[in-house]
Amino acid sequence: FYKSLKQNVKFEKIKEKSFDRALQLFNKTNQFNFSLNRYTGLDLKKLIKNKLYSLEIISFKDKFGDHGIIGAYITKKNKDKLYIVDFVLSCRVLNRFLEDYIILRIIKKNKNNDVFIEYKEDKVNSALIPKFMKKEYFELISREKNNFKYIIKNINKYHEIEKIFNN
């Protein structure tokens, strides 16, 4: 079924033409937003210039049309570790394995690094993310109140998920 949707995902560095949309996603997305970090334009520009960080936007098309920029993420590299600092995705494209594909792509690109993600639970993001974090590639390594830290492992299903997308 998912293959029949002809899903296509595109990843790009945040550029001037996509900057406003990226900023909007980080500041307005609630349901599928791991950190709930909010950024000013100046804050986001500083991160873009910082060599330790990588910021990408995600565009999505399927057989129903071009959905445009529907997500973004920020990673921070520290020696042999990669931290997914932020991950936001529009709820209109969820539950098509897109969120899995993005996470697993980050791991594949950084296969020589341990990859971590934190989830800061709040009433606005507690419906969707906990269900997603039950996937086999997330291993909870610490919890302090509403802050959960996971290491992401086991990308055995990546090839199955990759086949769903026409990239």
N, C-alpha and C. Protein backbone atom coordinates (compact mmCIF):
# COMPACT_ATOMS: atom_id res chain seq x y z
N PHE A 1 0.82 -1.21 0.00
CA PHE A 1 0.00 0.00 0.00
C PHE A 1 0.85 1.26 0.00
N TYR A 2 1.84 1.33 0.90
CA TYR A 2 2.65 2.54 1.03
C TYR A 2 3.45 2.82 -0.24
N LYS A 3 3.91 1.76 -0.89
CA LYS A 3 4.64 1.92 -2.15
C LYS A 3 3.73 2.55 -3.20
N SER A 4 2.45 2.22 -3.18
CA SER A 4 1.50 2.75 -4.17
C SER A 4 1.27 4.25 -4.00
N LEU A 5 1.65 4.81 -2.86
CA LEU A 5 1.48 6.25 -2.63
C LEU A 5 2.52 7.08 -3.39
N LYS A 6 3.55 6.41 -3.92
CA LYS A 6 4.62 7.08 -4.68
C LYS A 6 5.22 8.22 -3.88
N GLN A 7 5.63 7.91 -2.68
CA GLN A 7 6.18 8.92 -1.77
C GLN A 7 7.61 9.26 -2.16
N ASN A 8 7.90 10.54 -2.16
CA ASN A 8 9.24 11.01 -2.48
C ASN A 8 9.64 12.05 -1.45
N VAL A 9 10.81 11.86 -0.87
CA VAL A 9 11.31 12.75 0.18
C VAL A 9 12.58 13.42 -0.30
N LYS A 10 12.71 14.70 -0.03
CA LYS A 10 13.90 15.45 -0.42
C LYS A 10 14.46 16.15 0.82
N PHE A 11 15.76 16.03 1.01
CA PHE A 11 16.45 16.66 2.14
C PHE A 11 17.36 17.75 1.59
N GLU A 12 17.34 18.91 2.24
CA GLU A 12 18.19 20.02 1.83
C GLU A 12 18.66 20.80 3.05
N LYS A 13 19.82 21.40 2.94
CA LYS A 13 20.25 22.35 3.96
C LYS A 13 19.29 23.52 3.94
N ILE A 14 19.09 24.14 5.09
CA ILE A 14 18.22 25.32 5.15
C ILE A 14 18.92 26.46 4.41
N LYS A 15 18.21 27.03 3.46
CA LYS A 15 18.73 28.13 2.66
C LYS A 15 17.84 29.35 2.87
N GLU A 16 18.23 30.44 2.26
CA GLU A 16 17.47 31.69 2.43
C GLU A 16 16.01 31.52 2.03
N LYS A 17 15.76 30.81 0.91
CA LYS A 17 14.38 30.66 0.44
C LYS A 17 13.53 29.76 1.33
N SER A 18 14.17 28.87 2.11
CA SER A 18 13.42 27.98 2.98
C SER A 18 13.52 28.37 4.46
N PHE A 19 14.24 29.44 4.74
CA PHE A 19 14.49 29.83 6.12
C PHE A 19 13.21 30.12 6.89
N ASP A 20 12.32 30.91 6.31
CA ASP A 20 11.08 31.29 7.01
C ASP A 20 10.20 30.07 7.32
N ARG A 21 10.13 29.14 6.36
CA ARG A 21 9.33 27.94 6.59
C ARG A 21 9.95 27.08 7.68
N ALA A 22 11.27 26.95 7.68
CA ALA A 22 11.95 26.19 8.74
C ALA A 22 11.68 26.81 10.10
N LEU A 23 11.81 28.11 10.18
CA LEU A 23 11.56 28.82 11.43
C LEU A 23 10.11 28.59 11.89
N GLN A 24 9.18 28.65 10.94
CA GLN A 24 7.77 28.40 11.27
C GLN A 24 7.57 26.99 11.81
N LEU A 25 8.20 26.00 11.19
CA LEU A 25 8.05 24.62 11.65
C LEU A 25 8.56 24.45 13.08
N PHE A 26 9.72 25.00 13.38
CA PHE A 26 10.26 24.87 14.74
C PHE A 26 9.41 25.59 15.77
N ASN A 27 8.78 26.68 15.38
CA ASN A 27 8.03 27.49 16.34
C ASN A 27 6.55 27.16 16.44
N LYS A 28 5.99 26.49 15.44
CA LYS A 28 4.55 26.24 15.46
C LYS A 28 4.17 24.77 15.56
N THR A 29 5.09 23.87 15.20
CA THR A 29 4.77 22.45 15.25
C THR A 29 4.78 21.99 16.70
N ASN A 30 3.72 21.33 17.11
CA ASN A 30 3.61 20.86 18.48
C ASN A 30 3.50 19.34 18.58
N GLN A 31 2.60 18.74 17.84
CA GLN A 31 2.29 17.33 18.03
C GLN A 31 3.47 16.41 17.76
N PHE A 32 4.22 16.66 16.69
CA PHE A 32 5.38 15.83 16.40
C PHE A 32 6.62 16.73 16.45
N ASN A 33 6.95 17.13 17.65
CA ASN A 33 8.09 18.00 17.92
C ASN A 33 8.79 17.44 19.16
N PHE A 34 9.97 16.89 18.97
CA PHE A 34 10.65 16.18 20.06
C PHE A 34 11.11 17.10 21.18
N SER A 35 11.62 18.27 20.86
CA SER A 35 12.22 19.12 21.89
C SER A 35 11.34 20.28 22.33
N LEU A 36 10.44 20.68 21.46
CA LEU A 36 9.62 21.88 21.66
C LEU A 36 10.48 23.14 21.79
N ASN A 37 11.71 23.08 21.30
CA ASN A 37 12.56 24.29 21.28
C ASN A 37 11.95 25.29 20.32
N ARG A 38 11.99 26.54 20.71
CA ARG A 38 11.51 27.63 19.86
C ARG A 38 12.70 28.52 19.55
N TYR A 39 12.76 29.03 18.33
CA TYR A 39 13.91 29.80 17.88
C TYR A 39 13.50 31.16 17.35
N THR A 40 14.34 32.15 17.60
CA THR A 40 14.21 33.41 16.89
C THR A 40 14.96 33.25 15.57
N GLY A 41 14.73 34.14 14.66
CA GLY A 41 15.46 34.10 13.40
C GLY A 41 16.96 34.18 13.62
N LEU A 42 17.37 35.03 14.56
CA LEU A 42 18.79 35.19 14.86
C LEU A 42 19.38 33.90 15.44
N ASP A 43 18.65 33.25 16.34
CA ASP A 43 19.11 31.97 16.92
C ASP A 43 19.33 30.93 15.83
N LEU A 44 18.38 30.82 14.92
CA LEU A 44 18.48 29.82 13.86
C LEU A 44 19.65 30.14 12.92
N LYS A 45 19.85 31.41 12.61
CA LYS A 45 20.98 31.80 11.76
C LYS A 45 22.32 31.48 12.42
N LYS A 46 22.40 31.63 13.73
CA LYS A 46 23.64 31.28 14.45
C LYS A 46 23.91 29.78 14.36
N LEU A 47 22.87 28.99 14.50
CA LEU A 47 23.04 27.53 14.39
C LEU A 47 23.49 27.13 12.99
N ILE A 48 22.93 27.77 11.98
CA ILE A 48 23.30 27.46 10.60
C ILE A 48 24.79 27.73 10.37
N LYS A 49 25.30 28.78 10.97
CA LYS A 49 26.72 29.15 10.80
C LYS A 49 27.66 28.31 11.66
N ASN A 50 27.15 27.67 12.68
CA ASN A 50 27.97 26.89 13.60
C ASN A 50 28.30 25.53 12.97
N LYS A 51 29.57 25.24 12.79
CA LYS A 51 30.03 24.01 12.11
C LYS A 51 29.68 22.73 12.86
N LEU A 52 29.38 22.82 14.15
CA LEU A 52 29.02 21.62 14.91
C LEU A 52 27.60 21.15 14.60
N TYR A 53 26.79 22.04 14.03
CA TYR A 53 25.39 21.75 13.78
C TYR A 53 25.12 21.55 12.29
N SER A 54 24.14 20.71 12.03
CA SER A 54 23.65 20.51 10.67
C SER A 54 22.13 20.68 10.73
N LEU A 55 21.61 21.51 9.85
CA LEU A 55 20.18 21.78 9.81
C LEU A 55 19.66 21.43 8.44
N GLU A 56 18.61 20.60 8.39
CA GLU A 56 18.02 20.23 7.11
C GLU A 56 16.51 20.36 7.16
N ILE A 57 15.98 20.69 6.00
CA ILE A 57 14.53 20.70 5.83
C ILE A 57 14.15 19.48 5.00
N ILE A 58 12.90 19.10 5.11
CA ILE A 58 12.40 17.91 4.44
C ILE A 58 11.17 18.31 3.62
N SER A 59 11.25 18.02 2.31
CA SER A 59 10.11 18.25 1.42
C SER A 59 9.53 16.90 1.05
N PHE A 60 8.24 16.90 0.72
CA PHE A 60 7.55 15.63 0.50
C PHE A 60 6.54 15.75 -0.64
N LYS A 61 6.57 14.74 -1.52
CA LYS A 61 5.58 14.61 -2.59
C LYS A 61 5.04 13.20 -2.56
N ASP A 62 3.81 13.06 -3.02
CA ASP A 62 3.26 11.72 -3.21
C ASP A 62 2.28 11.78 -4.38
N LYS A 63 1.56 10.72 -4.61
CA LYS A 63 0.67 10.69 -5.78
C LYS A 63 -0.46 11.71 -5.68
N PHE A 64 -0.68 12.27 -4.51
CA PHE A 64 -1.73 13.27 -4.34
C PHE A 64 -1.24 14.69 -4.58
N GLY A 65 0.09 14.88 -4.63
CA GLY A 65 0.62 16.20 -4.91
C GLY A 65 1.88 16.53 -4.14
N ASP A 66 2.29 17.77 -4.30
CA ASP A 66 3.50 18.28 -3.63
C ASP A 66 3.07 18.92 -2.32
N HIS A 67 3.54 18.34 -1.21
CA HIS A 67 3.18 18.85 0.11
C HIS A 67 4.12 19.93 0.59
N GLY A 68 5.19 20.18 -0.16
CA GLY A 68 6.15 21.23 0.20
C GLY A 68 7.03 20.82 1.37
N ILE A 69 7.52 21.81 2.08
CA ILE A 69 8.40 21.57 3.23
C ILE A 69 7.53 21.16 4.41
N ILE A 70 7.73 19.93 4.86
CA ILE A 70 6.86 19.37 5.92
C ILE A 70 7.63 19.04 7.20
N GLY A 71 8.93 19.23 7.19
CA GLY A 71 9.70 18.87 8.38
C GLY A 71 11.08 19.48 8.38
N ALA A 72 11.74 19.35 9.53
CA ALA A 72 13.10 19.85 9.68
C ALA A 72 13.75 19.14 10.86
N TYR A 73 15.06 19.11 10.82
CA TYR A 73 15.79 18.59 11.97
C TYR A 73 17.13 19.28 12.11
N ILE A 74 17.63 19.25 13.33
CA ILE A 74 18.93 19.83 13.65
C ILE A 74 19.72 18.74 14.37
N THR A 75 20.95 18.52 13.90
CA THR A 75 21.84 17.58 14.59
C THR A 75 23.08 18.32 15.04
N LYS A 76 23.71 17.77 16.07
CA LYS A 76 24.96 18.31 16.59
C LYS A 76 25.96 17.16 16.72
N LYS A 77 27.11 17.36 16.14
CA LYS A 77 28.15 16.33 16.17
C LYS A 77 29.14 16.65 17.29
N ASN A 78 29.50 15.61 18.04
CA ASN A 78 30.48 15.74 19.11
C ASN A 78 31.33 14.48 19.09
N LYS A 79 32.50 14.55 18.49
CA LYS A 79 33.41 13.41 18.33
C LYS A 79 32.70 12.27 17.62
N ASP A 80 32.51 11.13 18.28
CA ASP A 80 31.88 9.98 17.66
C ASP A 80 30.40 9.86 18.03
N LYS A 81 29.83 10.97 18.45
CA LYS A 81 28.41 10.98 18.83
C LYS A 81 27.67 12.02 17.99
N LEU A 82 26.45 11.70 17.65
CA LEU A 82 25.58 12.63 16.95
C LEU A 82 24.30 12.76 17.76
N TYR A 83 23.91 13.99 18.02
CA TYR A 83 22.71 14.27 18.78
C TYR A 83 21.66 14.90 17.86
N ILE A 84 20.49 14.30 17.81
CA ILE A 84 19.38 14.93 17.10
C ILE A 84 18.78 15.91 18.10
N VAL A 85 19.10 17.17 17.89
CA VAL A 85 18.71 18.24 18.82
C VAL A 85 17.24 18.58 18.66
N ASP A 86 16.79 18.61 17.43
CA ASP A 86 15.40 18.92 17.11
C ASP A 86 14.94 18.06 15.96
N PHE A 87 13.69 17.65 16.01
CA PHE A 87 13.06 16.93 14.92
C PHE A 87 11.58 17.28 14.94
N VAL A 88 11.13 17.94 13.88
CA VAL A 88 9.73 18.34 13.78
C VAL A 88 9.18 17.86 12.44
N LEU A 89 7.92 17.47 12.48
CA LEU A 89 7.28 16.97 11.27
C LEU A 89 5.80 17.35 11.31
N SER A 90 5.32 17.84 10.19
CA SER A 90 3.90 18.20 10.09
C SER A 90 3.05 16.96 10.29
N CYS A 91 2.01 17.08 11.09
CA CYS A 91 1.17 15.92 11.40
C CYS A 91 0.37 15.44 10.18
N ARG A 92 0.27 16.25 9.15
CA ARG A 92 -0.51 15.84 7.97
C ARG A 92 0.17 14.75 7.15
N VAL A 93 1.44 14.45 7.43
CA VAL A 93 2.16 13.40 6.68
C VAL A 93 2.60 12.24 7.58
N LEU A 94 2.11 12.20 8.78
CA LEU A 94 2.53 11.15 9.71
C LEU A 94 1.87 9.81 9.38
N ASN A 95 2.45 8.77 9.97
CA ASN A 95 1.94 7.41 9.86
C ASN A 95 2.00 6.84 8.45
N ARG A 96 3.03 7.26 7.71
CA ARG A 96 3.33 6.70 6.38
C ARG A 96 4.76 6.18 6.37
N PHE A 97 5.32 5.99 7.53
CA PHE A 97 6.71 5.56 7.72
C PHE A 97 7.72 6.65 7.36
N LEU A 98 7.23 7.85 7.11
CA LEU A 98 8.12 8.97 6.80
C LEU A 98 9.01 9.31 7.99
N GLU A 99 8.42 9.34 9.18
CA GLU A 99 9.20 9.66 10.38
C GLU A 99 10.28 8.60 10.62
N ASP A 100 9.98 7.35 10.33
CA ASP A 100 10.97 6.28 10.45
C ASP A 100 12.08 6.48 9.42
N TYR A 101 11.69 6.76 8.20
CA TYR A 101 12.64 6.94 7.11
C TYR A 101 13.64 8.06 7.43
N ILE A 102 13.15 9.15 7.98
CA ILE A 102 14.03 10.28 8.30
C ILE A 102 15.03 9.89 9.39
N ILE A 103 14.54 9.30 10.47
CA ILE A 103 15.43 8.88 11.56
C ILE A 103 16.46 7.87 11.05
N LEU A 104 16.00 6.88 10.30
CA LEU A 104 16.91 5.85 9.83
C LEU A 104 17.90 6.38 8.80
N ARG A 105 17.49 7.39 8.03
CA ARG A 105 18.42 8.04 7.10
C ARG A 105 19.53 8.76 7.86
N ILE A 106 19.17 9.43 8.95
CA ILE A 106 20.17 10.11 9.78
C ILE A 106 21.18 9.09 10.30
N ILE A 107 20.69 7.95 10.75
CA ILE A 107 21.59 6.91 11.25
C ILE A 107 22.49 6.40 10.14
N LYS A 108 21.90 6.13 8.99
CA LYS A 108 22.67 5.60 7.86
C LYS A 108 23.78 6.58 7.45
N LYS A 109 23.47 7.86 7.43
CA LYS A 109 24.47 8.88 7.08
C LYS A 109 25.57 8.99 8.14
N ASN A 110 25.29 8.56 9.34
CA ASN A 110 26.23 8.70 10.47
C ASN A 110 26.53 7.34 11.07
N LYS A 111 26.76 6.36 10.23
CA LYS A 111 26.88 4.98 10.69
C LYS A 111 28.08 4.73 11.60
N ASN A 112 29.06 5.62 11.61
CA ASN A 112 30.22 5.46 12.49
C ASN A 112 30.06 6.20 13.82
N ASN A 113 28.87 6.69 14.07
CA ASN A 113 28.60 7.46 15.28
C ASN A 113 27.45 6.84 16.06
N ASP A 114 27.50 6.98 17.38
CA ASP A 114 26.32 6.69 18.18
C ASP A 114 25.37 7.86 17.96
N VAL A 115 24.10 7.55 17.76
CA VAL A 115 23.11 8.59 17.49
C VAL A 115 22.11 8.62 18.64
N PHE A 116 21.88 9.81 19.16
CA PHE A 116 21.00 10.01 20.30
C PHE A 116 19.89 11.00 19.94
N ILE A 117 18.76 10.85 20.62
CA ILE A 117 17.68 11.81 20.48
C ILE A 117 17.03 11.98 21.86
N GLU A 118 16.64 13.20 22.15
CA GLU A 118 15.93 13.47 23.39
C GLU A 118 14.49 13.85 23.07
N TYR A 119 13.63 13.45 23.97
CA TYR A 119 12.22 13.78 23.86
C TYR A 119 11.82 14.48 25.15
N LYS A 120 11.32 15.70 25.01
CA LYS A 120 10.83 16.46 26.16
C LYS A 120 9.31 16.42 26.11
N GLU A 121 8.75 15.63 26.99
CA GLU A 121 7.31 15.41 27.00
C GLU A 121 6.56 16.61 27.57
N ASP A 122 5.51 16.97 26.88
CA ASP A 122 4.64 18.06 27.29
C ASP A 122 3.23 17.67 26.85
N LYS A 123 2.23 18.34 27.34
CA LYS A 123 0.87 17.98 26.98
C LYS A 123 0.61 18.11 25.47
N VAL A 124 1.36 18.97 24.77
CA VAL A 124 1.11 19.19 23.34
C VAL A 124 1.76 18.12 22.45
N ASN A 125 2.75 17.40 22.96
CA ASN A 125 3.42 16.41 22.11
C ASN A 125 3.38 14.99 22.69
N SER A 126 2.51 14.77 23.65
CA SER A 126 2.50 13.47 24.35
C SER A 126 1.59 12.42 23.71
N ALA A 127 0.88 12.77 22.66
CA ALA A 127 -0.01 11.79 22.04
C ALA A 127 0.70 10.95 20.98
N LEU A 128 1.53 11.57 20.15
CA LEU A 128 2.13 10.86 19.02
C LEU A 128 3.52 10.31 19.28
N ILE A 129 4.37 11.08 19.91
CA ILE A 129 5.78 10.70 20.04
C ILE A 129 5.99 9.45 20.89
N PRO A 130 5.35 9.30 22.04
CA PRO A 130 5.58 8.07 22.82
C PRO A 130 5.27 6.79 22.04
N LYS A 131 4.24 6.82 21.20
CA LYS A 131 3.93 5.64 20.38
C LYS A 131 5.06 5.37 19.39
N PHE A 132 5.57 6.44 18.79
CA PHE A 132 6.67 6.31 17.83
C PHE A 132 7.94 5.77 18.51
N MET A 133 8.20 6.19 19.73
CA MET A 133 9.41 5.80 20.43
C MET A 133 9.40 4.34 20.90
N LYS A 134 8.31 3.66 20.71
CA LYS A 134 8.24 2.24 21.05
C LYS A 134 8.85 1.36 19.96
N LYS A 135 9.27 1.96 18.86
CA LYS A 135 9.88 1.21 17.77
C LYS A 135 11.17 0.56 18.26
N GLU A 136 11.52 -0.55 17.66
CA GLU A 136 12.65 -1.36 18.11
C GLU A 136 14.00 -0.66 18.03
N TYR A 137 14.12 0.39 17.25
CA TYR A 137 15.43 1.03 17.13
C TYR A 137 15.67 2.13 18.16
N PHE A 138 14.74 2.35 19.04
CA PHE A 138 14.94 3.32 20.12
C PHE A 138 15.17 2.58 21.43
N GLU A 139 16.25 2.92 22.10
CA GLU A 139 16.54 2.32 23.39
C GLU A 139 16.65 3.44 24.42
N LEU A 140 15.74 3.44 25.38
CA LEU A 140 15.75 4.45 26.43
C LEU A 140 17.00 4.26 27.29
N ILE A 141 17.77 5.35 27.45
CA ILE A 141 18.98 5.24 28.27
C ILE A 141 18.91 6.09 29.53
N SER A 142 18.04 7.09 29.54
CA SER A 142 17.86 7.86 30.78
C SER A 142 16.54 8.62 30.75
N ARG A 143 16.07 8.91 31.96
CA ARG A 143 14.85 9.69 32.11
C ARG A 143 14.98 10.54 33.36
N GLU A 144 14.71 11.83 33.19
CA GLU A 144 14.63 12.75 34.32
C GLU A 144 13.34 13.53 34.16
N LYS A 145 12.40 13.27 35.02
CA LYS A 145 11.06 13.87 34.95
C LYS A 145 10.48 13.65 33.55
N ASN A 146 10.26 14.71 32.79
CA ASN A 146 9.65 14.60 31.47
C ASN A 146 10.67 14.61 30.33
N ASN A 147 11.94 14.42 30.64
CA ASN A 147 12.98 14.38 29.62
C ASN A 147 13.49 12.96 29.45
N PHE A 148 13.36 12.45 28.24
CA PHE A 148 13.75 11.08 27.92
C PHE A 148 14.91 11.14 26.94
N LYS A 149 15.94 10.35 27.17
CA LYS A 149 17.08 10.29 26.25
C LYS A 149 17.18 8.87 25.70
N TYR A 150 17.28 8.77 24.38
CA TYR A 150 17.34 7.49 23.69
C TYR A 150 18.60 7.41 22.86
N ILE A 151 19.12 6.19 22.73
CA ILE A 151 20.12 5.91 21.72
C ILE A 151 19.36 5.19 20.61
N ILE A 152 19.73 5.48 19.38
CA ILE A 152 19.04 4.87 18.25
C ILE A 152 19.96 3.82 17.65
N LYS A 153 19.46 2.61 17.59
CA LYS A 153 20.24 1.46 17.10
C LYS A 153 19.40 0.62 16.16
N ASN A 154 20.02 -0.46 15.74
CA ASN A 154 19.29 -1.51 15.04
C ASN A 154 18.51 -0.99 13.84
N ILE A 155 19.21 -0.77 12.76
CA ILE A 155 18.53 -0.26 11.57
C ILE A 155 18.18 -1.39 10.60
N ASN A 156 17.96 -2.57 11.13
CA ASN A 156 17.65 -3.73 10.29
C ASN A 156 16.45 -3.48 9.38
N LYS A 157 15.49 -2.73 9.83
CA LYS A 157 14.29 -2.49 9.03
C LYS A 157 14.46 -1.37 8.01
N TYR A 158 15.64 -0.76 7.98
CA TYR A 158 15.83 0.38 7.08
C TYR A 158 15.55 0.00 5.63
N HIS A 159 16.04 -1.13 5.20
CA HIS A 159 15.87 -1.52 3.80
C HIS A 159 14.40 -1.72 3.44
N GLU A 160 13.63 -2.25 4.38
CA GLU A 160 12.19 -2.40 4.16
C GLU A 160 11.53 -1.03 4.01
N ILE A 161 11.87 -0.13 4.90
CA ILE A 161 11.28 1.21 4.89
C ILE A 161 11.76 2.00 3.68
N GLU A 162 13.01 1.85 3.32
CA GLU A 162 13.58 2.55 2.18
C GLU A 162 12.84 2.21 0.88
N LYS A 163 12.37 0.97 0.76
CA LYS A 163 11.66 0.52 -0.45
C LYS A 163 10.32 1.24 -0.64
N ILE A 164 9.78 1.79 0.42
CA ILE A 164 8.48 2.47 0.37
C ILE A 164 8.60 3.80 -0.37
N PHE A 165 9.80 4.38 -0.39
CA PHE A 165 9.99 5.72 -0.93
C PHE A 165 10.67 5.68 -2.29
N ASN A 166 10.27 6.60 -3.16
CA ASN A 166 10.80 6.69 -4.52
C ASN A 166 11.91 7.72 -4.59
N ASN A 167 13.00 7.51 -3.89
CA ASN A 167 14.08 8.49 -3.89
C ASN A 167 15.25 8.01 -4.71
